[in-house]
Amino acid sequence: MSTTDQGPPGPDWETIQQSAEFTQLRRRLRGFVFPMTVAFLAWYLLYVLLSDYAHDFMSTKVFGNINIGLIFGLLQFVSTFVITSLYVRHANKHLDPVAEKIREDVEGGEK
């Protein structure tokens, strides 16, 4: 067997990448990821800036030894889990059906 005999050709990835379905998939992904990234980074930056420049506010006790800074810090973890669940829901509803169609078209075209 020679090195030029590679078997049947694979999918035409450039055509797939330029297809309307793939463009829609990218647009839907970016439509979620970019705004959510900006929102999370703004929330995190607010936490960092308040921690650095608003000591009195962040050290305000809410109850017992629990202060606003601790609550905001814990809310960083909560926001991460919320964003993850929002992404999973978004992917299941808006991304996975389009990706499935692209996969079926690619696999159907090879057979």
PDB file of N, CA and C in Angstrom:
ATOM      1  N   MET A   1       0.849  -1.167   0.000  1.00  0.00           N
ATOM      2  CA  MET A   1       0.000   0.000   0.000  1.00  0.00           C
ATOM      3  C   MET A   1       0.895   1.230   0.000  1.00  0.00           C
ATOM      4  N   SER A   2       0.655   2.136  -0.886  1.00  0.00           N
ATOM      5  CA  SER A   2       1.478   3.344  -0.957  1.00  0.00           C
ATOM      6  C   SER A   2       0.972   4.389   0.023  1.00  0.00           C
ATOM      7  N   THR A   3       1.798   5.380   0.296  1.00  0.00           N
ATOM      8  CA  THR A   3       1.410   6.436   1.234  1.00  0.00           C
ATOM      9  C   THR A   3       0.384   7.383   0.632  1.00  0.00           C
ATOM     10  N   THR A   4       0.216   7.354  -0.689  1.00  0.00           N
ATOM     11  CA  THR A   4      -0.779   8.225  -1.307  1.00  0.00           C
ATOM     12  C   THR A   4      -2.166   7.605  -1.262  1.00  0.00           C
ATOM     13  N   ASP A   5      -2.256   6.308  -1.012  1.00  0.00           N
ATOM     14  CA  ASP A   5      -3.548   5.634  -0.929  1.00  0.00           C
ATOM     15  C   ASP A   5      -4.060   5.726   0.510  1.00  0.00           C
ATOM     16  N   GLN A   6      -4.847   6.731   0.782  1.00  0.00           N
ATOM     17  CA  GLN A   6      -5.324   6.988   2.142  1.00  0.00           C
ATOM     18  C   GLN A   6      -6.755   6.502   2.360  1.00  0.00           C
ATOM     19  N   GLY A   7      -7.333   5.818   1.409  1.00  0.00           N
ATOM     20  CA  GLY A   7      -8.704   5.355   1.557  1.00  0.00           C
ATOM     21  C   GLY A   7      -9.672   6.430   1.078  1.00  0.00           C
ATOM     22  N   PRO A   8     -10.946   6.248   1.403  1.00  0.00           N
ATOM     23  CA  PRO A   8     -11.938   7.230   0.941  1.00  0.00           C
ATOM     24  C   PRO A   8     -11.703   8.587   1.604  1.00  0.00           C
ATOM     25  N   PRO A   9     -11.979   9.651   0.859  1.00  0.00           N
ATOM     26  CA  PRO A   9     -11.776  10.987   1.442  1.00  0.00           C
ATOM     27  C   PRO A   9     -12.757  11.250   2.573  1.00  0.00           C
ATOM     28  N   GLY A  10     -12.328  12.038   3.531  1.00  0.00           N
ATOM     29  CA  GLY A  10     -13.171  12.394   4.666  1.00  0.00           C
ATOM     30  C   GLY A  10     -14.092  13.551   4.302  1.00  0.00           C
ATOM     31  N   PRO A  11     -14.787  14.056   5.283  1.00  0.00           N
ATOM     32  CA  PRO A  11     -15.703  15.174   5.032  1.00  0.00           C
ATOM     33  C   PRO A  11     -14.949  16.423   4.577  1.00  0.00           C
ATOM     34  N   ASP A  12     -15.622  17.244   3.832  1.00  0.00           N
ATOM     35  CA  ASP A  12     -15.054  18.514   3.383  1.00  0.00           C
ATOM     36  C   ASP A  12     -15.286  19.540   4.489  1.00  0.00           C
ATOM     37  N   TRP A  13     -14.306  19.679   5.376  1.00  0.00           N
ATOM     38  CA  TRP A  13     -14.460  20.512   6.566  1.00  0.00           C
ATOM     39  C   TRP A  13     -14.638  21.981   6.215  1.00  0.00           C
ATOM     40  N   GLU A  14     -14.028  22.443   5.143  1.00  0.00           N
ATOM     41  CA  GLU A  14     -14.190  23.850   4.765  1.00  0.00           C
ATOM     42  C   GLU A  14     -15.627  24.143   4.352  1.00  0.00           C
ATOM     43  N   THR A  15     -16.237  23.227   3.623  1.00  0.00           N
ATOM     44  CA  THR A  15     -17.642  23.400   3.229  1.00  0.00           C
ATOM     45  C   THR A  15     -18.544  23.367   4.447  1.00  0.00           C
ATOM     46  N   ILE A  16     -18.264  22.433   5.362  1.00  0.00           N
ATOM     47  CA  ILE A  16     -19.059  22.335   6.593  1.00  0.00           C
ATOM     48  C   ILE A  16     -18.935  23.629   7.394  1.00  0.00           C
ATOM     49  N   GLN A  17     -17.701  24.144   7.516  1.00  0.00           N
ATOM     50  CA  GLN A  17     -17.473  25.364   8.292  1.00  0.00           C
ATOM     51  C   GLN A  17     -18.188  26.563   7.684  1.00  0.00           C
ATOM     52  N   GLN A  18     -18.380  26.580   6.394  1.00  0.00           N
ATOM     53  CA  GLN A  18     -19.038  27.700   5.725  1.00  0.00           C
ATOM     54  C   GLN A  18     -20.542  27.511   5.589  1.00  0.00           C
ATOM     55  N   SER A  19     -21.060  26.385   6.069  1.00  0.00           N
ATOM     56  CA  SER A  19     -22.487  26.112   5.943  1.00  0.00           C
ATOM     57  C   SER A  19     -23.308  27.018   6.862  1.00  0.00           C
ATOM     58  N   ALA A  20     -24.568  27.170   6.522  1.00  0.00           N
ATOM     59  CA  ALA A  20     -25.472  28.015   7.318  1.00  0.00           C
ATOM     60  C   ALA A  20     -25.664  27.444   8.718  1.00  0.00           C
ATOM     61  N   GLU A  21     -25.725  26.113   8.836  1.00  0.00           N
ATOM     62  CA  GLU A  21     -25.919  25.492  10.148  1.00  0.00           C
ATOM     63  C   GLU A  21     -24.722  25.753  11.070  1.00  0.00           C
ATOM     64  N   PHE A  22     -23.515  25.631  10.519  1.00  0.00           N
ATOM     65  CA  PHE A  22     -22.321  25.848  11.329  1.00  0.00           C
ATOM     66  C   PHE A  22     -22.218  27.315  11.746  1.00  0.00           C
ATOM     67  N   THR A  23     -22.543  28.216  10.827  1.00  0.00           N
ATOM     68  CA  THR A  23     -22.545  29.644  11.149  1.00  0.00           C
ATOM     69  C   THR A  23     -23.562  29.937  12.246  1.00  0.00           C
ATOM     70  N   GLN A  24     -24.727  29.317  12.163  1.00  0.00           N
ATOM     71  CA  GLN A  24     -25.757  29.485  13.193  1.00  0.00           C
ATOM     72  C   GLN A  24     -25.270  28.941  14.537  1.00  0.00           C
ATOM     73  N   LEU A  25     -24.613  27.796  14.515  1.00  0.00           N
ATOM     74  CA  LEU A  25     -24.085  27.199  15.740  1.00  0.00           C
ATOM     75  C   LEU A  25     -23.062  28.120  16.393  1.00  0.00           C
ATOM     76  N   ARG A  26     -22.143  28.658  15.604  1.00  0.00           N
ATOM     77  CA  ARG A  26     -21.140  29.587  16.141  1.00  0.00           C
ATOM     78  C   ARG A  26     -21.789  30.845  16.695  1.00  0.00           C
ATOM     79  N   ARG A  27     -22.765  31.381  15.976  1.00  0.00           N
ATOM     80  CA  ARG A  27     -23.451  32.601  16.421  1.00  0.00           C
ATOM     81  C   ARG A  27     -24.178  32.362  17.747  1.00  0.00           C
ATOM     82  N   ARG A  28     -24.855  31.231  17.873  1.00  0.00           N
ATOM     83  CA  ARG A  28     -25.563  30.923  19.118  1.00  0.00           C
ATOM     84  C   ARG A  28     -24.602  30.707  20.280  1.00  0.00           C
ATOM     85  N   LEU A  29     -23.486  30.051  20.024  1.00  0.00           N
ATOM     86  CA  LEU A  29     -22.492  29.835  21.069  1.00  0.00           C
ATOM     87  C   LEU A  29     -21.905  31.166  21.524  1.00  0.00           C
ATOM     88  N   ARG A  30     -21.471  31.971  20.576  1.00  0.00           N
ATOM     89  CA  ARG A  30     -20.879  33.268  20.920  1.00  0.00           C
ATOM     90  C   ARG A  30     -21.901  34.196  21.563  1.00  0.00           C
ATOM     91  N   GLY A  31     -23.163  34.095  21.146  1.00  0.00           N
ATOM     92  CA  GLY A  31     -24.216  34.924  21.722  1.00  0.00           C
ATOM     93  C   GLY A  31     -24.435  34.644  23.202  1.00  0.00           C
ATOM     94  N   PHE A  32     -24.074  33.462  23.636  1.00  0.00           N
ATOM     95  CA  PHE A  32     -24.173  33.138  25.060  1.00  0.00           C
ATOM     96  C   PHE A  32     -22.854  33.377  25.776  1.00  0.00           C
ATOM     97  N   VAL A  33     -21.777  32.871  25.210  1.00  0.00           N
ATOM     98  CA  VAL A  33     -20.492  32.863  25.899  1.00  0.00           C
ATOM     99  C   VAL A  33     -19.940  34.270  26.118  1.00  0.00           C
ATOM    100  N   PHE A  34     -19.932  35.101  25.114  1.00  0.00           N
ATOM    101  CA  PHE A  34     -19.318  36.424  25.271  1.00  0.00           C
ATOM    102  C   PHE A  34     -20.042  37.299  26.298  1.00  0.00           C
ATOM    103  N   PRO A  35     -21.369  37.462  26.228  1.00  0.00           N
ATOM    104  CA  PRO A  35     -22.038  38.269  27.266  1.00  0.00           C
ATOM    105  C   PRO A  35     -21.893  37.678  28.666  1.00  0.00           C
ATOM    106  N   MET A  36     -21.952  36.359  28.778  1.00  0.00           N
ATOM    107  CA  MET A  36     -21.836  35.734  30.096  1.00  0.00           C
ATOM    108  C   MET A  36     -20.422  35.922  30.651  1.00  0.00           C
ATOM    109  N   THR A  37     -19.421  35.860  29.787  1.00  0.00           N
ATOM    110  CA  THR A  37     -18.043  36.084  30.223  1.00  0.00           C
ATOM    111  C   THR A  37     -17.866  37.513  30.708  1.00  0.00           C
ATOM    112  N   VAL A  38     -18.396  38.469  29.963  1.00  0.00           N
ATOM    113  CA  VAL A  38     -18.313  39.874  30.371  1.00  0.00           C
ATOM    114  C   VAL A  38     -19.021  40.092  31.696  1.00  0.00           C
ATOM    115  N   ALA A  39     -20.203  39.512  31.846  1.00  0.00           N
ATOM    116  CA  ALA A  39     -20.959  39.669  33.100  1.00  0.00           C
ATOM    117  C   ALA A  39     -20.194  39.071  34.275  1.00  0.00           C
ATOM    118  N   PHE A  40     -19.630  37.876  34.099  1.00  0.00           N
ATOM    119  CA  PHE A  40     -18.913  37.250  35.201  1.00  0.00           C
ATOM    120  C   PHE A  40     -17.647  38.034  35.545  1.00  0.00           C
ATOM    121  N   LEU A  41     -16.913  38.474  34.543  1.00  0.00           N
ATOM    122  CA  LEU A  41     -15.691  39.235  34.813  1.00  0.00           C
ATOM    123  C   LEU A  41     -16.003  40.573  35.488  1.00  0.00           C
ATOM    124  N   ALA A  42     -17.105  41.209  35.087  1.00  0.00           N
ATOM    125  CA  ALA A  42     -17.506  42.467  35.736  1.00  0.00           C
ATOM    126  C   ALA A  42     -17.866  42.208  37.202  1.00  0.00           C
ATOM    127  N   TRP A  43     -18.588  41.129  37.456  1.00  0.00           N
ATOM    128  CA  TRP A  43     -18.969  40.757  38.824  1.00  0.00           C
ATOM    129  C   TRP A  43     -17.722  40.462  39.651  1.00  0.00           C
ATOM    130  N   TYR A  44     -16.766  39.732  39.081  1.00  0.00           N
ATOM    131  CA  TYR A  44     -15.537  39.401  39.797  1.00  0.00           C
ATOM    132  C   TYR A  44     -14.701  40.662  40.042  1.00  0.00           C
ATOM    133  N   LEU A  45     -14.611  41.522  39.025  1.00  0.00           N
ATOM    134  CA  LEU A  45     -13.851  42.769  39.179  1.00  0.00           C
ATOM    135  C   LEU A  45     -14.482  43.653  40.255  1.00  0.00           C
ATOM    136  N   LEU A  46     -15.810  43.710  40.304  1.00  0.00           N
ATOM    137  CA  LEU A  46     -16.491  44.458  41.354  1.00  0.00           C
ATOM    138  C   LEU A  46     -16.095  43.923  42.730  1.00  0.00           C
ATOM    139  N   TYR A  47     -16.067  42.605  42.872  1.00  0.00           N
ATOM    140  CA  TYR A  47     -15.683  41.977  44.135  1.00  0.00           C
ATOM    141  C   TYR A  47     -14.247  42.358  44.511  1.00  0.00           C
ATOM    142  N   VAL A  48     -13.345  42.280  43.557  1.00  0.00           N
ATOM    143  CA  VAL A  48     -11.939  42.607  43.824  1.00  0.00           C
ATOM    144  C   VAL A  48     -11.788  44.084  44.189  1.00  0.00           C
ATOM    145  N   LEU A  49     -12.433  44.960  43.432  1.00  0.00           N
ATOM    146  CA  LEU A  49     -12.320  46.396  43.701  1.00  0.00           C
ATOM    147  C   LEU A  49     -12.934  46.760  45.054  1.00  0.00           C
ATOM    148  N   LEU A  50     -14.089  46.192  45.360  1.00  0.00           N
ATOM    149  CA  LEU A  50     -14.693  46.454  46.662  1.00  0.00           C
ATOM    150  C   LEU A  50     -13.808  45.933  47.792  1.00  0.00           C
ATOM    151  N   SER A  51     -13.212  44.776  47.583  1.00  0.00           N
ATOM    152  CA  SER A  51     -12.323  44.218  48.604  1.00  0.00           C
ATOM    153  C   SER A  51     -11.106  45.102  48.838  1.00  0.00           C
ATOM    154  N   ASP A  52     -10.633  45.729  47.779  1.00  0.00           N
ATOM    155  CA  ASP A  52      -9.423  46.539  47.883  1.00  0.00           C
ATOM    156  C   ASP A  52      -9.703  47.970  48.341  1.00  0.00           C
ATOM    157  N   TYR A  53     -10.806  48.557  47.870  1.00  0.00           N
ATOM    158  CA  TYR A  53     -11.036  49.981  48.119  1.00  0.00           C
ATOM    159  C   TYR A  53     -12.204  50.293  49.052  1.00  0.00           C
ATOM    160  N   ALA A  54     -13.012  49.336  49.377  1.00  0.00           N
ATOM    161  CA  ALA A  54     -14.165  49.591  50.243  1.00  0.00           C
ATOM    162  C   ALA A  54     -14.094  48.691  51.478  1.00  0.00           C
ATOM    163  N   HIS A  55     -13.020  48.842  52.230  1.00  0.00           N
ATOM    164  CA  HIS A  55     -12.798  47.986  53.400  1.00  0.00           C
ATOM    165  C   HIS A  55     -13.941  48.085  54.406  1.00  0.00           C
ATOM    166  N   ASP A  56     -14.390  49.307  54.657  1.00  0.00           N
ATOM    167  CA  ASP A  56     -15.462  49.481  55.648  1.00  0.00           C
ATOM    168  C   ASP A  56     -16.746  48.775  55.210  1.00  0.00           C
ATOM    169  N   PHE A  57     -17.082  48.928  53.933  1.00  0.00           N
ATOM    170  CA  PHE A  57     -18.291  48.286  53.422  1.00  0.00           C
ATOM    171  C   PHE A  57     -18.171  46.766  53.470  1.00  0.00           C
ATOM    172  N   MET A  58     -17.055  46.242  52.985  1.00  0.00           N
ATOM    173  CA  MET A  58     -16.876  44.785  52.921  1.00  0.00           C
ATOM    174  C   MET A  58     -16.759  44.150  54.314  1.00  0.00           C
ATOM    175  N   SER A  59     -16.319  44.934  55.297  1.00  0.00           N
ATOM    176  CA  SER A  59     -16.185  44.367  56.646  1.00  0.00           C
ATOM    177  C   SER A  59     -17.440  44.577  57.497  1.00  0.00           C
ATOM    178  N   THR A  60     -18.491  45.117  56.893  1.00  0.00           N
ATOM    179  CA  THR A  60     -19.753  45.288  57.602  1.00  0.00           C
ATOM    180  C   THR A  60     -20.319  43.924  57.984  1.00  0.00           C
ATOM    181  N   LYS A  61     -20.542  43.744  59.273  1.00  0.00           N
ATOM    182  CA  LYS A  61     -21.062  42.458  59.751  1.00  0.00           C
ATOM    183  C   LYS A  61     -22.552  42.356  59.443  1.00  0.00           C
ATOM    184  N   VAL A  62     -22.928  41.207  58.920  1.00  0.00           N
ATOM    185  CA  VAL A  62     -24.326  40.945  58.607  1.00  0.00           C
ATOM    186  C   VAL A  62     -24.969  40.223  59.784  1.00  0.00           C
ATOM    187  N   PHE A  63     -24.335  39.161  60.245  1.00  0.00           N
ATOM    188  CA  PHE A  63     -24.739  38.465  61.464  1.00  0.00           C
ATOM    189  C   PHE A  63     -23.545  37.657  61.960  1.00  0.00           C
ATOM    190  N   GLY A  64     -23.355  37.666  63.268  1.00  0.00           N
ATOM    191  CA  GLY A  64     -22.215  36.965  63.864  1.00  0.00           C
ATOM    192  C   GLY A  64     -20.903  37.469  63.273  1.00  0.00           C
ATOM    193  N   ASN A  65     -20.049  36.544  62.859  1.00  0.00           N
ATOM    194  CA  ASN A  65     -18.783  36.897  62.225  1.00  0.00           C
ATOM    195  C   ASN A  65     -18.867  36.908  60.707  1.00  0.00           C
ATOM    196  N   ILE A  66     -20.053  36.853  60.190  1.00  0.00           N
ATOM    197  CA  ILE A  66     -20.262  36.855  58.738  1.00  0.00           C
ATOM    198  C   ILE A  66     -20.377  38.301  58.267  1.00  0.00           C
ATOM    199  N   ASN A  67     -19.481  38.683  57.341  1.00  0.00           N
ATOM    200  CA  ASN A  67     -19.533  40.053  56.822  1.00  0.00           C
ATOM    201  C   ASN A  67     -19.858  40.037  55.323  1.00  0.00           C
ATOM    202  N   ILE A  68     -20.049  41.210  54.764  1.00  0.00           N
ATOM    203  CA  ILE A  68     -20.427  41.336  53.352  1.00  0.00           C
ATOM    204  C   ILE A  68     -19.345  40.765  52.444  1.00  0.00           C
ATOM    205  N   GLY A  69     -18.078  40.971  52.796  1.00  0.00           N
ATOM    206  CA  GLY A  69     -16.985  40.441  51.986  1.00  0.00           C
ATOM    207  C   GLY A  69     -17.041  38.918  51.869  1.00  0.00           C
ATOM    208  N   LEU A  70     -17.322  38.248  52.967  1.00  0.00           N
ATOM    209  CA  LEU A  70     -17.430  36.789  52.954  1.00  0.00           C
ATOM    210  C   LEU A  70     -18.615  36.349  52.104  1.00  0.00           C
ATOM    211  N   ILE A  71     -19.727  37.044  52.234  1.00  0.00           N
ATOM    212  CA  ILE A  71     -20.911  36.699  51.439  1.00  0.00           C
ATOM    213  C   ILE A  71     -20.629  36.894  49.956  1.00  0.00           C
ATOM    214  N   PHE A  72     -20.013  38.025  49.589  1.00  0.00           N
ATOM    215  CA  PHE A  72     -19.672  38.257  48.184  1.00  0.00           C
ATOM    216  C   PHE A  72     -18.701  37.196  47.673  1.00  0.00           C
ATOM    217  N   GLY A  73     -17.742  36.800  48.497  1.00  0.00           N
ATOM    218  CA  GLY A  73     -16.797  35.756  48.100  1.00  0.00           C
ATOM    219  C   GLY A  73     -17.488  34.432  47.839  1.00  0.00           C
ATOM    220  N   LEU A  74     -18.409  34.061  48.716  1.00  0.00           N
ATOM    221  CA  LEU A  74     -19.152  32.820  48.518  1.00  0.00           C
ATOM    222  C   LEU A  74     -20.079  32.908  47.310  1.00  0.00           C
ATOM    223  N   LEU A  75     -20.594  34.104  47.051  1.00  0.00           N
ATOM    224  CA  LEU A  75     -21.455  34.282  45.876  1.00  0.00           C
ATOM    225  C   LEU A  75     -20.687  34.104  44.566  1.00  0.00           C
ATOM    226  N   GLN A  76     -19.369  34.259  44.601  1.00  0.00           N
ATOM    227  CA  GLN A  76     -18.561  33.976  43.409  1.00  0.00           C
ATOM    228  C   GLN A  76     -18.717  32.502  43.023  1.00  0.00           C
ATOM    229  N   PHE A  77     -18.694  31.625  44.024  1.00  0.00           N
ATOM    230  CA  PHE A  77     -18.886  30.199  43.740  1.00  0.00           C
ATOM    231  C   PHE A  77     -20.297  29.933  43.238  1.00  0.00           C
ATOM    232  N   VAL A  78     -21.263  30.555  43.876  1.00  0.00           N
ATOM    233  CA  VAL A  78     -22.658  30.372  43.465  1.00  0.00           C
ATOM    234  C   VAL A  78     -22.848  30.825  42.020  1.00  0.00           C
ATOM    235  N   SER A  79     -22.274  31.977  41.675  1.00  0.00           N
ATOM    236  CA  SER A  79     -22.434  32.476  40.307  1.00  0.00           C
ATOM    237  C   SER A  79     -21.792  31.536  39.289  1.00  0.00           C
ATOM    238  N   THR A  80     -20.706  30.891  39.663  1.00  0.00           N
ATOM    239  CA  THR A  80     -20.080  29.919  38.754  1.00  0.00           C
ATOM    240  C   THR A  80     -21.011  28.750  38.480  1.00  0.00           C
ATOM    241  N   PHE A  81     -21.655  28.231  39.522  1.00  0.00           N
ATOM    242  CA  PHE A  81     -22.595  27.128  39.335  1.00  0.00           C
ATOM    243  C   PHE A  81     -23.831  27.565  38.550  1.00  0.00           C
ATOM    244  N   VAL A  82     -24.295  28.784  38.789  1.00  0.00           N
ATOM    245  CA  VAL A  82     -25.456  29.293  38.049  1.00  0.00           C
ATOM    246  C   VAL A  82     -25.114  29.430  36.566  1.00  0.00           C
ATOM    247  N   ILE A  83     -23.948  29.991  36.266  1.00  0.00           N
ATOM    248  CA  ILE A  83     -23.540  30.143  34.867  1.00  0.00           C
ATOM    249  C   ILE A  83     -23.405  28.778  34.199  1.00  0.00           C
ATOM    250  N   THR A  84     -22.857  27.815  34.923  1.00  0.00           N
ATOM    251  CA  THR A  84     -22.714  26.468  34.362  1.00  0.00           C
ATOM    252  C   THR A  84     -24.069  25.871  34.038  1.00  0.00           C
ATOM    253  N   SER A  85     -25.028  25.987  34.962  1.00  0.00           N
ATOM    254  CA  SER A  85     -26.341  25.418  34.677  1.00  0.00           C
ATOM    255  C   SER A  85     -27.061  26.173  33.569  1.00  0.00           C
ATOM    256  N   LEU A  86     -26.882  27.479  33.486  1.00  0.00           N
ATOM    257  CA  LEU A  86     -27.472  28.231  32.379  1.00  0.00           C
ATOM    258  C   LEU A  86     -26.874  27.799  31.044  1.00  0.00           C
ATOM    259  N   TYR A  87     -25.557  27.550  31.041  1.00  0.00           N
ATOM    260  CA  TYR A  87     -24.917  27.104  29.804  1.00  0.00           C
ATOM    261  C   TYR A  87     -25.422  25.723  29.392  1.00  0.00           C
ATOM    262  N   VAL A  88     -25.547  24.826  30.338  1.00  0.00           N
ATOM    263  CA  VAL A  88     -26.034  23.482  30.011  1.00  0.00           C
ATOM    264  C   VAL A  88     -27.436  23.565  29.425  1.00  0.00           C
ATOM    265  N   ARG A  89     -28.283  24.369  30.029  1.00  0.00           N
ATOM    266  CA  ARG A  89     -29.644  24.528  29.512  1.00  0.00           C
ATOM    267  C   ARG A  89     -29.636  25.159  28.119  1.00  0.00           C
ATOM    268  N   HIS A  90     -28.789  26.178  27.935  1.00  0.00           N
ATOM    269  CA  HIS A  90     -28.669  26.832  26.625  1.00  0.00           C
ATOM    270  C   HIS A  90     -28.158  25.841  25.574  1.00  0.00           C
ATOM    271  N   ALA A  91     -27.134  25.074  25.934  1.00  0.00           N
ATOM    272  CA  ALA A  91     -26.563  24.107  24.986  1.00  0.00           C
ATOM    273  C   ALA A  91     -27.589  23.042  24.617  1.00  0.00           C
ATOM    274  N   ASN A  92     -28.293  22.521  25.597  1.00  0.00           N
ATOM    275  CA  ASN A  92     -29.295  21.489  25.318  1.00  0.00           C
ATOM    276  C   ASN A  92     -30.391  21.997  24.397  1.00  0.00           C
ATOM    277  N   LYS A  93     -30.791  23.241  24.578  1.00  0.00           N
ATOM    278  CA  LYS A  93     -31.917  23.787  23.825  1.00  0.00           C
ATOM    279  C   LYS A  93     -31.511  24.380  22.477  1.00  0.00           C
ATOM    280  N   HIS A  94     -30.352  25.077  22.427  1.00  0.00           N
ATOM    281  CA  HIS A  94     -30.016  25.848  21.232  1.00  0.00           C
ATOM    282  C   HIS A  94     -28.801  25.333  20.459  1.00  0.00           C
ATOM    283  N   LEU A  95     -27.860  24.694  21.122  1.00  0.00           N
ATOM    284  CA  LEU A  95     -26.637  24.276  20.446  1.00  0.00           C
ATOM    285  C   LEU A  95     -26.674  22.816  20.001  1.00  0.00           C
ATOM    286  N   ASP A  96     -27.089  21.944  20.878  1.00  0.00           N
ATOM    287  CA  ASP A  96     -27.059  20.512  20.578  1.00  0.00           C
ATOM    288  C   ASP A  96     -27.907  20.116  19.366  1.00  0.00           C
ATOM    289  N   PRO A  97     -29.117  20.676  19.186  1.00  0.00           N
ATOM    290  CA  PRO A  97     -29.889  20.291  17.992  1.00  0.00           C
ATOM    291  C   PRO A  97     -29.171  20.662  16.689  1.00  0.00           C
ATOM    292  N   VAL A  98     -28.550  21.821  16.660  1.00  0.00           N
ATOM    293  CA  VAL A  98     -27.835  22.248  15.446  1.00  0.00           C
ATOM    294  C   VAL A  98     -26.595  21.382  15.245  1.00  0.00           C
ATOM    295  N   ALA A  99     -25.870  21.111  16.314  1.00  0.00           N
ATOM    296  CA  ALA A  99     -24.677  20.265  16.211  1.00  0.00           C
ATOM    297  C   ALA A  99     -25.061  18.852  15.771  1.00  0.00           C
ATOM    298  N   GLU A 100     -26.171  18.361  16.262  1.00  0.00           N
ATOM    299  CA  GLU A 100     -26.647  17.028  15.866  1.00  0.00           C
ATOM    300  C   GLU A 100     -26.971  16.989  14.377  1.00  0.00           C
ATOM    301  N   LYS A 101     -27.604  18.045  13.874  1.00  0.00           N
ATOM    302  CA  LYS A 101     -27.927  18.097  12.446  1.00  0.00           C
ATOM    303  C   LYS A 101     -26.655  18.121  11.614  1.00  0.00           C
ATOM    304  N   ILE A 102     -25.677  18.901  12.033  1.00  0.00           N
ATOM    305  CA  ILE A 102     -24.403  18.955  11.311  1.00  0.00           C
ATOM    306  C   ILE A 102     -23.753  17.573  11.334  1.00  0.00           C
ATOM    307  N   ARG A 103     -23.739  16.924  12.481  1.00  0.00           N
ATOM    308  CA  ARG A 103     -23.138  15.585  12.587  1.00  0.00           C
ATOM    309  C   ARG A 103     -23.849  14.593  11.682  1.00  0.00           C
ATOM    310  N   GLU A 104     -25.185  14.631  11.678  1.00  0.00           N
ATOM    311  CA  GLU A 104     -25.933  13.715  10.803  1.00  0.00           C
ATOM    312  C   GLU A 104     -25.630  13.974   9.341  1.00  0.00           C
ATOM    313  N   ASP A 105     -25.522  15.256   8.968  1.00  0.00           N
ATOM    314  CA  ASP A 105     -25.199  15.591   7.571  1.00  0.00           C
ATOM    315  C   ASP A 105     -23.802  15.084   7.205  1.00  0.00           C
ATOM    316  N   VAL A 106     -22.852  15.223   8.115  1.00  0.00           N
ATOM    317  CA  VAL A 106     -21.495  14.769   7.841  1.00  0.00           C
ATOM    318  C   VAL A 106     -21.446  13.247   7.757  1.00  0.00           C
ATOM    319  N   GLU A 107     -22.043  12.577   8.718  1.00  0.00           N
ATOM    320  CA  GLU A 107     -22.023  11.115   8.709  1.00  0.00           C
ATOM    321  C   GLU A 107     -22.865  10.539   7.587  1.00  0.00           C
ATOM    322  N   GLY A 108     -23.955  11.191   7.249  1.00  0.00           N
ATOM    323  CA  GLY A 108     -24.785  10.736   6.158  1.00  0.00           C
ATOM    324  C   GLY A 108     -24.105  10.916   4.819  1.00  0.00           C
ATOM    325  N   GLY A 109     -23.314  11.967   4.698  1.00  0.00           N
ATOM    326  CA  GLY A 109     -22.590  12.240   3.454  1.00  0.00           C
ATOM    327  C   GLY A 109     -21.438  11.284   3.215  1.00  0.00           C
ATOM    328  N   GLU A 110     -20.923  10.659   4.286  1.00  0.00           N
ATOM    329  CA  GLU A 110     -19.781   9.753   4.137  1.00  0.00           C
ATOM    330  C   GLU A 110     -20.209   8.356   3.724  1.00  0.00           C
ATOM    331  N   LYS A 111     -21.439   7.968   4.006  1.00  0.00           N
ATOM    332  CA  LYS A 111     -21.874   6.594   3.763  1.00  0.00           C
ATOM    333  C   LYS A 111     -22.295   6.384   2.343  1.00  0.00           C
TER     334      LYS A 111
END
